[in-house]
Amino acid sequence: MDVNIKDFEAAIAELETIVKKLEDGDLTLEQSLDLYERGVRLSRYCHGRLEEAERRIEVLGEKGDLQPAPASLTAIADDDVRRAAPDRDEKGRRA
């Protein structure tokens, strides 16, 4: 995890700012590349946090008791992560 990323909400806000700056087009090539790289890191962080949240989803059972999410949800989320970032392990680290 990037120690400069505070939390999901801060990462989304920074990512939105980066996208706006890149869309404005008033940057040098180096500035654009630096922002793009930061945006990719933020995007991967956010994606990872969303995947973690999906894994933690609990489904309310018929009797009102909480049960873990069905394995099918976890398997689909894991497959999506592998397809989206094949060069990374399950924790988002470079393989």
C-alpha atoms as a PDB file:
ATOM      1  CA  MET A   1       0.000   0.000   0.000  1.00  0.00           C
ATOM      2  CA  ASP A   2       1.162   3.497  -0.832  1.00  0.00           C
ATOM      3  CA  VAL A   3       1.807   5.237   2.494  1.00  0.00           C
ATOM      4  CA  ASN A   4       0.794   8.530   0.885  1.00  0.00           C
ATOM      5  CA  ILE A   5      -2.771   7.303   0.342  1.00  0.00           C
ATOM      6  CA  LYS A   6      -4.852   8.117   3.407  1.00  0.00           C
ATOM      7  CA  ASP A   7      -8.068   6.268   2.710  1.00  0.00           C
ATOM      8  CA  PHE A   8     -10.506   5.327  -0.042  1.00  0.00           C
ATOM      9  CA  GLU A   9     -12.372   8.642  -0.006  1.00  0.00           C
ATOM     10  CA  ALA A  10      -9.165  10.674  -0.144  1.00  0.00           C
ATOM     11  CA  ALA A  11      -7.875   8.478  -2.986  1.00  0.00           C
ATOM     12  CA  ILE A  12     -11.077   8.998  -5.008  1.00  0.00           C
ATOM     13  CA  ALA A  13     -10.940  12.755  -4.443  1.00  0.00           C
ATOM     14  CA  GLU A  14      -7.296  12.914  -5.523  1.00  0.00           C
ATOM     15  CA  LEU A  15      -8.026  10.727  -8.541  1.00  0.00           C
ATOM     16  CA  GLU A  16     -10.834  13.084  -9.612  1.00  0.00           C
ATOM     17  CA  THR A  17      -8.461  16.042  -9.310  1.00  0.00           C
ATOM     18  CA  ILE A  18      -5.830  14.258 -11.392  1.00  0.00           C
ATOM     19  CA  VAL A  19      -8.338  13.406 -14.120  1.00  0.00           C
ATOM     20  CA  LYS A  20      -9.470  17.044 -14.287  1.00  0.00           C
ATOM     21  CA  LYS A  21      -5.887  18.309 -14.544  1.00  0.00           C
ATOM     22  CA  LEU A  22      -5.082  15.796 -17.273  1.00  0.00           C
ATOM     23  CA  GLU A  23      -8.241  16.697 -19.181  1.00  0.00           C
ATOM     24  CA  ASP A  24      -7.394  20.411 -18.992  1.00  0.00           C
ATOM     25  CA  GLY A  25      -4.166  19.665 -20.870  1.00  0.00           C
ATOM     26  CA  ASP A  26      -2.159  22.553 -19.425  1.00  0.00           C
ATOM     27  CA  LEU A  27       0.701  20.353 -18.208  1.00  0.00           C
ATOM     28  CA  THR A  28       4.082  19.430 -19.548  1.00  0.00           C
ATOM     29  CA  LEU A  29       4.639  15.888 -20.744  1.00  0.00           C
ATOM     30  CA  GLU A  30       6.587  15.038 -17.581  1.00  0.00           C
ATOM     31  CA  GLN A  31       3.888  16.475 -15.334  1.00  0.00           C
ATOM     32  CA  SER A  32       1.237  14.532 -17.247  1.00  0.00           C
ATOM     33  CA  LEU A  33       3.202  11.293 -16.937  1.00  0.00           C
ATOM     34  CA  ASP A  34       3.763  11.818 -13.211  1.00  0.00           C
ATOM     35  CA  LEU A  35       0.068  12.486 -12.645  1.00  0.00           C
ATOM     36  CA  TYR A  36      -0.906   9.519 -14.803  1.00  0.00           C
ATOM     37  CA  GLU A  37       1.355   7.212 -12.776  1.00  0.00           C
ATOM     38  CA  ARG A  38      -0.086   8.545  -9.527  1.00  0.00           C
ATOM     39  CA  GLY A  39      -3.581   8.040 -10.938  1.00  0.00           C
ATOM     40  CA  VAL A  40      -2.823   4.416 -11.763  1.00  0.00           C
ATOM     41  CA  ARG A  41      -1.580   3.815  -8.202  1.00  0.00           C
ATOM     42  CA  LEU A  42      -4.688   5.475  -6.774  1.00  0.00           C
ATOM     43  CA  SER A  43      -6.945   3.492  -9.085  1.00  0.00           C
ATOM     44  CA  ARG A  44      -5.317   0.206  -8.075  1.00  0.00           C
ATOM     45  CA  TYR A  45      -5.606   1.135  -4.410  1.00  0.00           C
ATOM     46  CA  CYS A  46      -9.314   1.951  -4.800  1.00  0.00           C
ATOM     47  CA  HIS A  47      -9.951  -1.219  -6.760  1.00  0.00           C
ATOM     48  CA  GLY A  48      -8.240  -3.259  -4.058  1.00  0.00           C
ATOM     49  CA  ARG A  49     -10.257  -1.600  -1.298  1.00  0.00           C
ATOM     50  CA  LEU A  50     -13.499  -2.271  -3.183  1.00  0.00           C
ATOM     51  CA  GLU A  51     -12.523  -5.902  -3.641  1.00  0.00           C
ATOM     52  CA  GLU A  52     -11.828  -6.193   0.093  1.00  0.00           C
ATOM     53  CA  ALA A  53     -15.230  -4.675   0.839  1.00  0.00           C
ATOM     54  CA  GLU A  54     -16.959  -7.134  -1.487  1.00  0.00           C
ATOM     55  CA  ARG A  55     -15.285 -10.028   0.302  1.00  0.00           C
ATOM     56  CA  ARG A  56     -16.604  -8.753   3.621  1.00  0.00           C
ATOM     57  CA  ILE A  57     -20.206  -8.530   2.490  1.00  0.00           C
ATOM     58  CA  GLU A  58     -22.462 -10.603   4.634  1.00  0.00           C
ATOM     59  CA  VAL A  59     -25.839 -11.840   3.587  1.00  0.00           C
ATOM     60  CA  LEU A  60     -28.746 -11.809   5.975  1.00  0.00           C
ATOM     61  CA  GLY A  61     -29.886 -15.413   6.385  1.00  0.00           C
ATOM     62  CA  GLU A  62     -33.451 -16.652   6.406  1.00  0.00           C
ATOM     63  CA  LYS A  63     -33.585 -16.655  10.239  1.00  0.00           C
ATOM     64  CA  GLY A  64     -32.114 -13.171  10.510  1.00  0.00           C
ATOM     65  CA  ASP A  65     -28.627 -14.363  11.373  1.00  0.00           C
ATOM     66  CA  LEU A  66     -25.608 -13.056   9.510  1.00  0.00           C
ATOM     67  CA  GLN A  67     -23.806 -15.476   7.252  1.00  0.00           C
ATOM     68  CA  PRO A  68     -20.647 -15.066   5.177  1.00  0.00           C
ATOM     69  CA  ALA A  69     -21.180 -14.068   1.558  1.00  0.00           C
ATOM     70  CA  PRO A  70     -21.599 -17.027  -0.784  1.00  0.00           C
ATOM     71  CA  ALA A  71     -18.369 -18.458  -2.155  1.00  0.00           C
ATOM     72  CA  SER A  72     -19.557 -17.630  -5.667  1.00  0.00           C
ATOM     73  CA  LEU A  73     -19.274 -13.896  -4.882  1.00  0.00           C
ATOM     74  CA  THR A  74     -15.752 -14.284  -3.539  1.00  0.00           C
ATOM     75  CA  ALA A  75     -14.673 -16.440  -6.483  1.00  0.00           C
ATOM     76  CA  ILE A  76     -16.017 -13.918  -9.003  1.00  0.00           C
ATOM     77  CA  ALA A  77     -14.266 -11.028  -7.208  1.00  0.00           C
ATOM     78  CA  ASP A  78     -10.975 -12.954  -7.084  1.00  0.00           C
ATOM     79  CA  ASP A  79     -11.196 -13.767 -10.816  1.00  0.00           C
ATOM     80  CA  ASP A  80     -11.896 -10.110 -11.626  1.00  0.00           C
ATOM     81  CA  VAL A  81      -8.812  -9.008  -9.668  1.00  0.00           C
ATOM     82  CA  ARG A  82      -6.584 -11.510 -11.452  1.00  0.00           C
ATOM     83  CA  ARG A  83      -7.877 -10.430 -14.865  1.00  0.00           C
ATOM     84  CA  ALA A  84      -7.591  -6.706 -14.057  1.00  0.00           C
ATOM     85  CA  ALA A  85      -4.045  -6.893 -12.673  1.00  0.00           C
ATOM     86  CA  PRO A  86      -2.352 -10.122 -13.803  1.00  0.00           C
ATOM     87  CA  ASP A  87       1.068  -8.813 -12.767  1.00  0.00           C
ATOM     88  CA  ARG A  88      -0.049  -8.437  -9.135  1.00  0.00           C
ATOM     89  CA  ASP A  89      -0.738 -10.898  -6.348  1.00  0.00           C
ATOM     90  CA  GLU A  90      -3.942 -11.052  -4.289  1.00  0.00           C
ATOM     91  CA  LYS A  91      -2.805  -8.133  -2.102  1.00  0.00           C
ATOM     92  CA  GLY A  92      -2.003  -5.884  -5.057  1.00  0.00           C
ATOM     93  CA  ARG A  93       1.767  -6.304  -4.848  1.00  0.00           C
ATOM     94  CA  ARG A  94       3.825  -6.713  -7.984  1.00  0.00           C
ATOM     95  CA  ALA A  95       4.332 -10.389  -8.723  1.00  0.00           C
END
